[in-house]
Amino acid sequence: MSTPRTAEVVRNTNETQIRVALNLDGTGQQKLNTGVPFLDHMLDQIARHGLIDLEIEAKGDLHIDAHHTVEDVGITLGQAVAKAIGDKRGIRRYGHAYVPLDEALSRVVVDFSGRPELEFHVQFKRAMIGSFDVDLTHEFFQGFVNHALLTLHIDNLRGENAHHQCETVFKAFGRALRMAAEFDPRAAGTIPSTKGAL
């Protein structure tokens, strides 16, 4: 690995103004301010467990609800990951992780396929985690997948506490993303596909 894979993306709409800066080859440092505290907590899991240095600043129409902010943070983060990963030469491409938190267990599998596909199988035990609507978890990952251009399978295998369920998903996502984005020393800078492109 030579230079760190970094990116900065600014996305402004009538509903949200978002800036994401990241380093895929970081140490897990973060500076997060989305206006949605639970989302900041989950983004912290991605940074720490993915060893991604992550800065996110977001201002959104939270007087309506958190939907636009959460979805648009996912979109902008996806754009930044796509920009930072580049042509994917020499990466492992695939990553997976199982993460427990007390009674909860989740599995996340990532493929830097170049094709956006989300399989999201999480049956939350309640609709709200504090003031956070759990439906927005799907919206975050759908926005991310559509713009990172990757395949993502998320399965919560068990759990009774919705906070634990959600946290295991984000921790496993961070670890799976880290594995998939890592350079494979045996790959010798090749594209990990028989097509020769991803």
N, C-alpha and C. Protein backbone atom coordinates (compact mmCIF):
# COMPACT_ATOMS: atom_id res chain seq x y z
N MET A 1 0.84 -1.19 0.00
CA MET A 1 0.00 0.00 0.00
C MET A 1 0.88 1.24 0.00
N SER A 2 0.56 2.19 -0.86
CA SER A 2 1.35 3.42 -0.91
C SER A 2 0.62 4.54 -0.20
N THR A 3 -0.10 5.35 -0.93
CA THR A 3 -0.79 6.48 -0.30
C THR A 3 -2.13 6.04 0.28
N PRO A 4 -2.53 6.62 1.38
CA PRO A 4 -3.84 6.28 1.95
C PRO A 4 -4.97 6.58 0.97
N ARG A 5 -5.99 5.78 1.03
CA ARG A 5 -7.15 5.97 0.15
C ARG A 5 -8.15 6.88 0.87
N THR A 6 -8.19 8.12 0.42
CA THR A 6 -9.01 9.13 1.07
C THR A 6 -10.01 9.71 0.08
N ALA A 7 -11.04 10.33 0.61
CA ALA A 7 -12.03 11.00 -0.23
C ALA A 7 -12.77 12.02 0.61
N GLU A 8 -13.25 13.03 -0.07
CA GLU A 8 -14.14 14.02 0.54
C GLU A 8 -15.27 14.30 -0.42
N VAL A 9 -16.49 14.25 0.08
CA VAL A 9 -17.67 14.48 -0.75
C VAL A 9 -18.58 15.46 -0.02
N VAL A 10 -19.05 16.46 -0.75
CA VAL A 10 -20.03 17.40 -0.23
C VAL A 10 -21.31 17.23 -1.05
N ARG A 11 -22.42 17.08 -0.37
CA ARG A 11 -23.71 16.89 -1.05
C ARG A 11 -24.72 17.85 -0.44
N ASN A 12 -25.21 18.76 -1.26
CA ASN A 12 -26.18 19.74 -0.80
C ASN A 12 -27.48 19.61 -1.57
N THR A 13 -28.59 19.50 -0.84
CA THR A 13 -29.91 19.51 -1.45
C THR A 13 -30.79 20.50 -0.69
N ASN A 14 -32.05 20.60 -1.10
CA ASN A 14 -32.97 21.47 -0.37
C ASN A 14 -33.31 20.91 1.02
N GLU A 15 -32.99 19.61 1.22
CA GLU A 15 -33.34 18.96 2.49
C GLU A 15 -32.15 18.78 3.42
N THR A 16 -30.95 18.60 2.85
CA THR A 16 -29.78 18.33 3.68
C THR A 16 -28.53 18.96 3.09
N GLN A 17 -27.59 19.26 3.96
CA GLN A 17 -26.25 19.70 3.56
C GLN A 17 -25.27 18.80 4.31
N ILE A 18 -24.49 18.03 3.55
CA ILE A 18 -23.66 16.98 4.16
C ILE A 18 -22.25 17.02 3.60
N ARG A 19 -21.29 16.85 4.50
CA ARG A 19 -19.89 16.69 4.11
C ARG A 19 -19.35 15.43 4.77
N VAL A 20 -18.75 14.57 3.95
CA VAL A 20 -18.10 13.36 4.44
C VAL A 20 -16.66 13.36 3.99
N ALA A 21 -15.74 13.14 4.92
CA ALA A 21 -14.32 12.95 4.60
C ALA A 21 -13.89 11.66 5.28
N LEU A 22 -13.16 10.82 4.55
CA LEU A 22 -12.74 9.56 5.13
C LEU A 22 -11.38 9.11 4.62
N ASN A 23 -10.79 8.23 5.40
CA ASN A 23 -9.54 7.56 5.05
C ASN A 23 -9.76 6.07 5.31
N LEU A 24 -9.83 5.29 4.24
CA LEU A 24 -10.07 3.86 4.38
C LEU A 24 -8.93 3.14 5.09
N ASP A 25 -7.76 3.77 5.11
CA ASP A 25 -6.58 3.16 5.72
C ASP A 25 -6.22 3.86 7.02
N GLY A 26 -7.23 4.21 7.77
CA GLY A 26 -7.03 4.97 8.99
C GLY A 26 -6.90 4.10 10.22
N THR A 27 -7.22 4.70 11.37
CA THR A 27 -7.11 4.00 12.65
C THR A 27 -8.42 4.02 13.43
N GLY A 28 -9.47 4.52 12.82
CA GLY A 28 -10.77 4.54 13.48
C GLY A 28 -11.11 5.83 14.19
N GLN A 29 -10.38 6.89 13.88
CA GLN A 29 -10.70 8.18 14.49
C GLN A 29 -11.94 8.75 13.81
N GLN A 30 -12.71 9.50 14.59
CA GLN A 30 -13.96 10.03 14.01
C GLN A 30 -14.31 11.38 14.59
N LYS A 31 -15.03 12.13 13.78
CA LYS A 31 -15.61 13.41 14.20
C LYS A 31 -16.98 13.46 13.53
N LEU A 32 -18.02 13.29 14.33
CA LEU A 32 -19.36 13.07 13.79
C LEU A 32 -20.35 14.07 14.37
N ASN A 33 -21.11 14.70 13.50
CA ASN A 33 -22.15 15.63 13.95
C ASN A 33 -23.25 15.66 12.90
N THR A 34 -24.20 14.73 13.03
CA THR A 34 -25.29 14.65 12.06
C THR A 34 -26.58 15.29 12.58
N GLY A 35 -26.60 15.61 13.87
CA GLY A 35 -27.83 16.10 14.46
C GLY A 35 -28.75 14.98 14.91
N VAL A 36 -28.35 13.74 14.63
CA VAL A 36 -29.12 12.55 15.04
C VAL A 36 -28.20 11.72 15.94
N PRO A 37 -28.30 11.87 17.25
CA PRO A 37 -27.33 11.25 18.16
C PRO A 37 -27.16 9.74 17.99
N PHE A 38 -28.26 9.02 17.80
CA PHE A 38 -28.12 7.57 17.64
C PHE A 38 -27.38 7.22 16.35
N LEU A 39 -27.61 7.98 15.29
CA LEU A 39 -26.87 7.76 14.04
C LEU A 39 -25.38 8.01 14.26
N ASP A 40 -25.04 9.06 15.00
CA ASP A 40 -23.62 9.31 15.32
C ASP A 40 -23.02 8.12 16.05
N HIS A 41 -23.77 7.54 16.97
CA HIS A 41 -23.31 6.37 17.73
C HIS A 41 -23.04 5.19 16.79
N MET A 42 -23.92 4.99 15.80
CA MET A 42 -23.74 3.89 14.86
C MET A 42 -22.59 4.16 13.89
N LEU A 43 -22.45 5.40 13.45
CA LEU A 43 -21.32 5.75 12.56
C LEU A 43 -19.99 5.58 13.27
N ASP A 44 -19.99 5.83 14.57
CA ASP A 44 -18.79 5.61 15.38
C ASP A 44 -18.40 4.13 15.34
N GLN A 45 -19.39 3.23 15.33
CA GLN A 45 -19.10 1.80 15.24
C GLN A 45 -18.42 1.47 13.91
N ILE A 46 -18.90 2.06 12.82
CA ILE A 46 -18.28 1.83 11.51
C ILE A 46 -16.83 2.27 11.53
N ALA A 47 -16.58 3.47 12.04
CA ALA A 47 -15.22 4.01 12.07
C ALA A 47 -14.30 3.14 12.92
N ARG A 48 -14.72 2.84 14.13
CA ARG A 48 -13.86 2.10 15.07
C ARG A 48 -13.60 0.67 14.62
N HIS A 49 -14.65 -0.01 14.17
CA HIS A 49 -14.48 -1.42 13.82
C HIS A 49 -14.02 -1.60 12.38
N GLY A 50 -14.20 -0.57 11.56
CA GLY A 50 -13.69 -0.62 10.20
C GLY A 50 -12.31 -0.01 10.06
N LEU A 51 -11.78 0.56 11.15
CA LEU A 51 -10.51 1.30 11.12
C LEU A 51 -10.51 2.33 9.99
N ILE A 52 -11.62 3.05 9.91
CA ILE A 52 -11.79 4.12 8.93
C ILE A 52 -11.78 5.44 9.69
N ASP A 53 -10.91 6.36 9.30
CA ASP A 53 -10.99 7.71 9.84
C ASP A 53 -12.17 8.39 9.15
N LEU A 54 -13.07 8.94 9.95
CA LEU A 54 -14.35 9.39 9.40
C LEU A 54 -14.77 10.72 10.00
N GLU A 55 -15.02 11.68 9.12
CA GLU A 55 -15.60 12.97 9.52
C GLU A 55 -16.90 13.15 8.77
N ILE A 56 -17.97 13.39 9.52
CA ILE A 56 -19.27 13.65 8.89
C ILE A 56 -19.92 14.83 9.58
N GLU A 57 -20.27 15.79 8.79
CA GLU A 57 -21.01 16.97 9.25
C GLU A 57 -22.29 17.04 8.44
N ALA A 58 -23.43 17.05 9.11
CA ALA A 58 -24.70 17.07 8.40
C ALA A 58 -25.67 18.04 9.05
N LYS A 59 -26.38 18.76 8.20
CA LYS A 59 -27.48 19.60 8.65
C LYS A 59 -28.68 19.23 7.79
N GLY A 60 -29.78 18.88 8.46
CA GLY A 60 -30.95 18.45 7.71
C GLY A 60 -32.24 19.00 8.30
N ASP A 61 -33.33 18.65 7.65
CA ASP A 61 -34.65 19.15 8.06
C ASP A 61 -35.21 18.29 9.20
N LEU A 62 -34.49 18.33 10.32
CA LEU A 62 -34.88 17.51 11.47
C LEU A 62 -36.18 17.99 12.12
N HIS A 63 -36.62 19.19 11.76
CA HIS A 63 -37.92 19.66 12.27
C HIS A 63 -39.06 18.84 11.67
N ILE A 64 -38.77 18.16 10.53
CA ILE A 64 -39.77 17.25 9.94
C ILE A 64 -39.59 15.88 10.58
N ASP A 65 -38.48 15.23 10.30
CA ASP A 65 -38.03 14.03 10.99
C ASP A 65 -36.61 13.74 10.53
N ALA A 66 -36.07 12.59 10.93
CA ALA A 66 -34.67 12.30 10.63
C ALA A 66 -34.47 11.56 9.31
N HIS A 67 -35.55 11.27 8.60
CA HIS A 67 -35.47 10.42 7.42
C HIS A 67 -34.47 10.95 6.38
N HIS A 68 -34.65 12.19 5.96
CA HIS A 68 -33.78 12.74 4.91
C HIS A 68 -32.32 12.77 5.35
N THR A 69 -32.08 13.13 6.59
CA THR A 69 -30.71 13.22 7.09
C THR A 69 -30.04 11.84 7.09
N VAL A 70 -30.72 10.85 7.64
CA VAL A 70 -30.13 9.51 7.74
C VAL A 70 -29.88 8.93 6.34
N GLU A 71 -30.87 9.03 5.47
CA GLU A 71 -30.72 8.49 4.11
C GLU A 71 -29.60 9.21 3.36
N ASP A 72 -29.55 10.52 3.46
CA ASP A 72 -28.56 11.29 2.71
C ASP A 72 -27.15 11.12 3.26
N VAL A 73 -27.02 10.87 4.56
CA VAL A 73 -25.70 10.52 5.10
C VAL A 73 -25.26 9.19 4.50
N GLY A 74 -26.17 8.22 4.40
CA GLY A 74 -25.83 6.96 3.76
C GLY A 74 -25.40 7.15 2.31
N ILE A 75 -26.11 7.98 1.58
CA ILE A 75 -25.77 8.26 0.18
C ILE A 75 -24.37 8.87 0.08
N THR A 76 -24.12 9.89 0.88
CA THR A 76 -22.85 10.61 0.80
C THR A 76 -21.68 9.74 1.26
N LEU A 77 -21.90 8.94 2.29
CA LEU A 77 -20.86 8.01 2.72
C LEU A 77 -20.57 6.99 1.62
N GLY A 78 -21.60 6.51 0.96
CA GLY A 78 -21.40 5.59 -0.16
C GLY A 78 -20.59 6.21 -1.27
N GLN A 79 -20.89 7.46 -1.61
CA GLN A 79 -20.13 8.17 -2.65
C GLN A 79 -18.66 8.30 -2.25
N ALA A 80 -18.42 8.59 -0.97
CA ALA A 80 -17.04 8.75 -0.51
C ALA A 80 -16.27 7.43 -0.54
N VAL A 81 -16.93 6.34 -0.15
CA VAL A 81 -16.27 5.03 -0.19
C VAL A 81 -15.95 4.65 -1.64
N ALA A 82 -16.88 4.88 -2.55
CA ALA A 82 -16.64 4.57 -3.96
C ALA A 82 -15.46 5.36 -4.51
N LYS A 83 -15.40 6.62 -4.12
CA LYS A 83 -14.30 7.48 -4.59
C LYS A 83 -12.96 7.02 -4.01
N ALA A 84 -12.96 6.66 -2.73
CA ALA A 84 -11.71 6.27 -2.06
C ALA A 84 -11.20 4.90 -2.53
N ILE A 85 -12.11 3.98 -2.81
CA ILE A 85 -11.70 2.61 -3.17
C ILE A 85 -11.10 2.56 -4.57
N GLY A 86 -11.46 3.52 -5.42
CA GLY A 86 -10.86 3.60 -6.75
C GLY A 86 -11.24 2.43 -7.64
N ASP A 87 -10.26 1.91 -8.40
CA ASP A 87 -10.55 0.84 -9.35
C ASP A 87 -10.55 -0.55 -8.71
N LYS A 88 -10.34 -0.60 -7.41
CA LYS A 88 -10.41 -1.83 -6.61
C LYS A 88 -9.25 -2.79 -6.90
N ARG A 89 -8.24 -2.31 -7.54
CA ARG A 89 -7.08 -3.14 -7.86
C ARG A 89 -6.39 -3.60 -6.57
N GLY A 90 -6.21 -4.91 -6.43
CA GLY A 90 -5.47 -5.46 -5.30
C GLY A 90 -6.24 -5.65 -4.02
N ILE A 91 -7.54 -5.30 -4.00
CA ILE A 91 -8.30 -5.47 -2.76
C ILE A 91 -8.81 -6.91 -2.65
N ARG A 92 -9.23 -7.26 -1.44
CA ARG A 92 -9.79 -8.60 -1.23
C ARG A 92 -11.15 -8.76 -1.89
N ARG A 93 -11.87 -7.69 -2.04
CA ARG A 93 -13.20 -7.60 -2.66
C ARG A 93 -14.31 -8.07 -1.74
N TYR A 94 -14.15 -9.24 -1.14
CA TYR A 94 -15.19 -9.80 -0.27
C TYR A 94 -14.81 -9.63 1.20
N GLY A 95 -15.81 -9.36 2.02
CA GLY A 95 -15.58 -9.29 3.46
C GLY A 95 -16.81 -9.77 4.20
N HIS A 96 -16.59 -10.32 5.38
CA HIS A 96 -17.71 -10.80 6.17
C HIS A 96 -17.37 -10.69 7.65
N ALA A 97 -18.40 -10.60 8.47
CA ALA A 97 -18.19 -10.54 9.91
C ALA A 97 -19.44 -10.98 10.64
N TYR A 98 -19.22 -11.72 11.71
CA TYR A 98 -20.26 -12.01 12.70
C TYR A 98 -19.91 -11.21 13.94
N VAL A 99 -20.88 -10.49 14.49
CA VAL A 99 -20.63 -9.71 15.70
C VAL A 99 -21.76 -9.95 16.71
N PRO A 100 -21.41 -10.34 17.94
CA PRO A 100 -22.40 -10.47 19.00
C PRO A 100 -22.39 -9.23 19.90
N LEU A 101 -23.50 -8.99 20.53
CA LEU A 101 -23.57 -8.05 21.65
C LEU A 101 -24.60 -8.63 22.62
N ASP A 102 -24.10 -9.21 23.69
CA ASP A 102 -24.96 -9.91 24.64
C ASP A 102 -25.81 -10.96 23.89
N GLU A 103 -27.13 -10.81 23.89
CA GLU A 103 -28.00 -11.82 23.28
C GLU A 103 -28.13 -11.67 21.77
N ALA A 104 -27.68 -10.55 21.21
CA ALA A 104 -27.87 -10.27 19.78
C ALA A 104 -26.66 -10.75 18.97
N LEU A 105 -26.94 -11.18 17.75
CA LEU A 105 -25.89 -11.64 16.84
C LEU A 105 -26.27 -11.26 15.42
N SER A 106 -25.35 -10.60 14.71
CA SER A 106 -25.60 -10.23 13.32
C SER A 106 -24.45 -10.66 12.43
N ARG A 107 -24.80 -10.92 11.16
CA ARG A 107 -23.83 -11.28 10.13
C ARG A 107 -23.96 -10.29 8.98
N VAL A 108 -22.82 -9.78 8.53
CA VAL A 108 -22.80 -8.87 7.39
C VAL A 108 -21.76 -9.36 6.39
N VAL A 109 -22.15 -9.39 5.11
CA VAL A 109 -21.26 -9.81 4.04
C VAL A 109 -21.23 -8.71 2.97
N VAL A 110 -20.01 -8.34 2.55
CA VAL A 110 -19.80 -7.26 1.58
C VAL A 110 -19.09 -7.80 0.34
N ASP A 111 -19.51 -7.33 -0.82
CA ASP A 111 -18.82 -7.62 -2.08
C ASP A 111 -18.71 -6.32 -2.85
N PHE A 112 -17.47 -5.87 -3.11
CA PHE A 112 -17.27 -4.68 -3.95
C PHE A 112 -17.48 -5.08 -5.41
N SER A 113 -18.71 -5.40 -5.73
CA SER A 113 -19.08 -6.01 -6.99
C SER A 113 -19.22 -5.01 -8.14
N GLY A 114 -19.44 -3.75 -7.80
CA GLY A 114 -19.78 -2.76 -8.82
C GLY A 114 -21.27 -2.73 -9.12
N ARG A 115 -22.03 -3.58 -8.42
CA ARG A 115 -23.48 -3.66 -8.62
C ARG A 115 -24.19 -3.41 -7.30
N PRO A 116 -25.07 -2.42 -7.24
CA PRO A 116 -25.77 -2.14 -5.98
C PRO A 116 -26.85 -3.18 -5.70
N GLU A 117 -26.72 -3.85 -4.57
CA GLU A 117 -27.72 -4.84 -4.15
C GLU A 117 -27.71 -4.91 -2.62
N LEU A 118 -28.88 -4.72 -2.02
CA LEU A 118 -29.00 -4.82 -0.56
C LEU A 118 -29.99 -5.91 -0.21
N GLU A 119 -29.54 -6.85 0.61
CA GLU A 119 -30.43 -7.82 1.25
C GLU A 119 -30.39 -7.51 2.74
N PHE A 120 -31.51 -7.02 3.24
CA PHE A 120 -31.58 -6.53 4.62
C PHE A 120 -32.63 -7.34 5.37
N HIS A 121 -32.17 -8.16 6.32
CA HIS A 121 -33.08 -9.04 7.05
C HIS A 121 -32.89 -8.82 8.55
N VAL A 122 -33.57 -7.81 9.04
CA VAL A 122 -33.51 -7.46 10.46
C VAL A 122 -34.94 -7.24 10.94
N GLN A 123 -35.36 -8.06 11.89
CA GLN A 123 -36.69 -7.91 12.49
C GLN A 123 -36.50 -7.28 13.87
N PHE A 124 -36.53 -5.96 13.88
CA PHE A 124 -36.33 -5.26 15.14
C PHE A 124 -37.46 -5.57 16.13
N LYS A 125 -37.09 -5.66 17.40
CA LYS A 125 -38.06 -6.02 18.43
C LYS A 125 -38.94 -4.84 18.84
N ARG A 126 -38.53 -3.64 18.48
CA ARG A 126 -39.40 -2.50 18.71
C ARG A 126 -39.13 -1.46 17.62
N ALA A 127 -40.07 -0.53 17.47
CA ALA A 127 -40.03 0.42 16.36
C ALA A 127 -39.10 1.60 16.60
N MET A 128 -38.83 1.91 17.85
CA MET A 128 -38.01 3.07 18.17
C MET A 128 -36.88 2.68 19.11
N ILE A 129 -35.71 3.26 18.88
CA ILE A 129 -34.60 3.17 19.83
C ILE A 129 -34.40 4.59 20.34
N GLY A 130 -34.94 4.88 21.50
CA GLY A 130 -35.01 6.27 21.95
C GLY A 130 -35.90 7.03 20.98
N SER A 131 -35.34 8.06 20.35
CA SER A 131 -36.10 8.83 19.36
C SER A 131 -35.78 8.42 17.93
N PHE A 132 -35.02 7.33 17.76
CA PHE A 132 -34.58 6.89 16.43
C PHE A 132 -35.53 5.82 15.90
N ASP A 133 -36.12 6.08 14.73
CA ASP A 133 -37.01 5.15 14.05
C ASP A 133 -36.16 4.05 13.40
N VAL A 134 -36.36 2.80 13.80
CA VAL A 134 -35.50 1.72 13.30
C VAL A 134 -35.64 1.52 11.78
N ASP A 135 -36.74 1.95 11.17
CA ASP A 135 -36.89 1.85 9.71
C ASP A 135 -35.78 2.60 8.99
N LEU A 136 -35.22 3.61 9.64
CA LEU A 136 -34.19 4.43 9.00
C LEU A 136 -32.88 3.66 8.83
N THR A 137 -32.71 2.56 9.55
CA THR A 137 -31.52 1.74 9.36
C THR A 137 -31.47 1.20 7.95
N HIS A 138 -32.60 0.68 7.47
CA HIS A 138 -32.68 0.20 6.09
C HIS A 138 -32.42 1.34 5.11
N GLU A 139 -32.99 2.51 5.36
CA GLU A 139 -32.81 3.65 4.45
C GLU A 139 -31.35 4.06 4.36
N PHE A 140 -30.64 4.03 5.49
CA PHE A 140 -29.22 4.36 5.50
C PHE A 140 -28.44 3.40 4.61
N PHE A 141 -28.66 2.11 4.81
CA PHE A 141 -27.88 1.13 4.04
C PHE A 141 -28.28 1.10 2.57
N GLN A 142 -29.56 1.35 2.27
CA GLN A 142 -29.96 1.40 0.87
C GLN A 142 -29.30 2.57 0.15
N GLY A 143 -29.26 3.72 0.80
CA GLY A 143 -28.57 4.87 0.22
C GLY A 143 -27.09 4.59 0.03
N PHE A 144 -26.48 3.96 1.02
CA PHE A 144 -25.06 3.63 0.94
C PHE A 144 -24.78 2.70 -0.23
N VAL A 145 -25.53 1.61 -0.31
CA VAL A 145 -25.31 0.59 -1.35
C VAL A 145 -25.49 1.18 -2.75
N ASN A 146 -26.52 1.98 -2.92
CA ASN A 146 -26.80 2.55 -4.24
C ASN A 146 -25.65 3.40 -4.76
N HIS A 147 -24.89 4.01 -3.86
CA HIS A 147 -23.84 4.94 -4.29
C HIS A 147 -22.43 4.40 -4.10
N ALA A 148 -22.25 3.41 -3.22
CA ALA A 148 -20.96 2.74 -3.10
C ALA A 148 -20.81 1.66 -4.17
N LEU A 149 -21.93 1.30 -4.81
CA LEU A 149 -21.94 0.29 -5.87
C LEU A 149 -21.35 -1.03 -5.37
N LEU A 150 -21.95 -1.54 -4.30
CA LEU A 150 -21.51 -2.83 -3.78
C LEU A 150 -22.72 -3.67 -3.39
N THR A 151 -22.46 -4.94 -3.17
CA THR A 151 -23.49 -5.88 -2.72
C THR A 151 -23.33 -6.04 -1.21
N LEU A 152 -24.45 -5.96 -0.50
CA LEU A 152 -24.42 -5.99 0.96
C LEU A 152 -25.54 -6.87 1.48
N HIS A 153 -25.16 -7.90 2.23
CA HIS A 153 -26.14 -8.78 2.88
C HIS A 153 -26.05 -8.56 4.39
N ILE A 154 -27.18 -8.20 4.98
CA ILE A 154 -27.25 -7.95 6.42
C ILE A 154 -28.30 -8.87 7.02
N ASP A 155 -27.87 -9.68 7.98
CA ASP A 155 -28.79 -10.59 8.67
C ASP A 155 -28.60 -10.47 10.17
N ASN A 156 -29.65 -10.07 10.87
CA ASN A 156 -29.64 -10.17 12.33
C ASN A 156 -30.15 -11.57 12.66
N LEU A 157 -29.28 -12.40 13.20
CA LEU A 157 -29.60 -13.81 13.41
C LEU A 157 -30.42 -14.03 14.68
N ARG A 158 -30.20 -13.16 15.68
CA ARG A 158 -31.01 -13.23 16.89
C ARG A 158 -30.84 -11.94 17.67
N GLY A 159 -31.77 -11.69 18.57
CA GLY A 159 -31.68 -10.51 19.41
C GLY A 159 -33.02 -10.16 20.01
N GLU A 160 -33.00 -9.68 21.23
CA GLU A 160 -34.22 -9.29 21.93
C GLU A 160 -34.25 -7.79 22.21
N ASN A 161 -33.08 -7.16 22.19
CA ASN A 161 -32.97 -5.73 22.48
C ASN A 161 -32.66 -5.00 21.17
N ALA A 162 -33.52 -4.08 20.76
CA ALA A 162 -33.38 -3.42 19.46
C ALA A 162 -32.06 -2.65 19.35
N HIS A 163 -31.63 -2.03 20.45
CA HIS A 163 -30.35 -1.32 20.43
C HIS A 163 -29.22 -2.31 20.15
N HIS A 164 -29.24 -3.44 20.81
CA HIS A 164 -28.22 -4.47 20.58
C HIS A 164 -28.27 -4.98 19.15
N GLN A 165 -29.48 -5.21 18.63
CA GLN A 165 -29.63 -5.68 17.26
C GLN A 165 -28.96 -4.69 16.28
N CYS A 166 -29.31 -3.43 16.43
CA CYS A 166 -28.80 -2.41 15.52
C CYS A 166 -27.29 -2.24 15.64
N GLU A 167 -26.80 -2.25 16.87
CA GLU A 167 -25.37 -2.05 17.08
C GLU A 167 -24.55 -3.21 16.50
N THR A 168 -25.05 -4.44 16.63
CA THR A 168 -24.31 -5.55 16.03
C THR A 168 -24.26 -5.43 14.52
N VAL A 169 -25.33 -4.92 13.92
CA VAL A 169 -25.34 -4.73 12.46
C VAL A 169 -24.27 -3.74 12.05
N PHE A 170 -24.18 -2.61 12.72
CA PHE A 170 -23.22 -1.58 12.32
C PHE A 170 -21.78 -2.01 12.62
N LYS A 171 -21.57 -2.69 13.74
CA LYS A 171 -20.23 -3.19 14.04
C LYS A 171 -19.79 -4.22 13.00
N ALA A 172 -20.68 -5.15 12.67
CA ALA A 172 -20.35 -6.17 11.68
C ALA A 172 -20.13 -5.54 10.31
N PHE A 173 -20.91 -4.53 9.99
CA PHE A 173 -20.71 -3.82 8.72
C PHE A 173 -19.33 -3.19 8.66
N GLY A 174 -18.92 -2.53 9.73
CA GLY A 174 -17.59 -1.92 9.76
C GLY A 174 -16.49 -2.94 9.55
N ARG A 175 -16.59 -4.08 10.21
CA ARG A 175 -15.56 -5.11 10.10
C ARG A 175 -15.56 -5.77 8.72
N ALA A 176 -16.75 -6.02 8.17
CA ALA A 176 -16.83 -6.63 6.84
C ALA A 176 -16.30 -5.68 5.77
N LEU A 177 -16.63 -4.39 5.90
CA LEU A 177 -16.14 -3.40 4.96
C LEU A 177 -14.62 -3.30 5.01
N ARG A 178 -14.09 -3.32 6.21
CA ARG A 178 -12.64 -3.29 6.40
C ARG A 178 -11.97 -4.48 5.71
N MET A 179 -12.52 -5.68 5.89
CA MET A 179 -11.93 -6.86 5.27
C MET A 179 -11.99 -6.78 3.75
N ALA A 180 -13.13 -6.36 3.21
CA ALA A 180 -13.30 -6.31 1.76
C ALA A 180 -12.39 -5.27 1.12
N ALA A 181 -12.15 -4.17 1.82
CA ALA A 181 -11.35 -3.07 1.27
C ALA A 181 -9.85 -3.28 1.45
N GLU A 182 -9.46 -4.24 2.29
CA GLU A 182 -8.05 -4.48 2.55
C GLU A 182 -7.31 -4.93 1.29
N PHE A 183 -6.05 -4.57 1.21
CA PHE A 183 -5.21 -5.07 0.12
C PHE A 183 -4.79 -6.50 0.41
N ASP A 184 -4.86 -7.33 -0.62
CA ASP A 184 -4.41 -8.72 -0.53
C ASP A 184 -2.98 -8.79 -1.05
N PRO A 185 -2.01 -9.11 -0.19
CA PRO A 185 -0.61 -9.09 -0.63
C PRO A 185 -0.32 -10.10 -1.75
N ARG A 186 -1.18 -11.10 -1.90
CA ARG A 186 -0.96 -12.10 -2.95
C ARG A 186 -1.60 -11.69 -4.28
N ALA A 187 -2.41 -10.63 -4.25
CA ALA A 187 -3.15 -10.25 -5.46
C ALA A 187 -2.29 -9.48 -6.46
N ALA A 188 -1.16 -8.96 -6.01
CA ALA A 188 -0.21 -8.27 -6.90
C ALA A 188 -0.87 -7.17 -7.74
N GLY A 189 -1.80 -6.45 -7.11
CA GLY A 189 -2.40 -5.31 -7.78
C GLY A 189 -3.37 -5.65 -8.89
N THR A 190 -3.86 -6.89 -8.92
CA THR A 190 -4.79 -7.28 -9.98
C THR A 190 -6.23 -6.94 -9.56
N ILE A 191 -7.11 -6.91 -10.55
CA ILE A 191 -8.52 -6.72 -10.29
C ILE A 191 -9.12 -8.07 -9.89
N PRO A 192 -9.79 -8.16 -8.73
CA PRO A 192 -10.30 -9.46 -8.27
C PRO A 192 -11.59 -9.87 -8.99
N SER A 193 -11.50 -10.06 -10.30
CA SER A 193 -12.64 -10.48 -11.10
C SER A 193 -12.14 -11.07 -12.40
N THR A 194 -12.80 -12.13 -12.88
CA THR A 194 -12.43 -12.70 -14.18
C THR A 194 -12.77 -11.75 -15.32
N LYS A 195 -13.63 -10.77 -15.06
CA LYS A 195 -13.98 -9.77 -16.07
C LYS A 195 -12.82 -8.79 -16.31
N GLY A 196 -11.94 -8.65 -15.29
CA GLY A 196 -10.87 -7.68 -15.39
C GLY A 196 -11.27 -6.29 -14.98
N ALA A 197 -12.52 -6.15 -14.50
CA ALA A 197 -13.01 -4.84 -14.05
C ALA A 197 -14.15 -5.06 -13.08
N LEU A 198 -14.28 -4.14 -12.13
CA LEU A 198 -15.39 -4.18 -11.17
C LEU A 198 -16.08 -2.82 -11.16
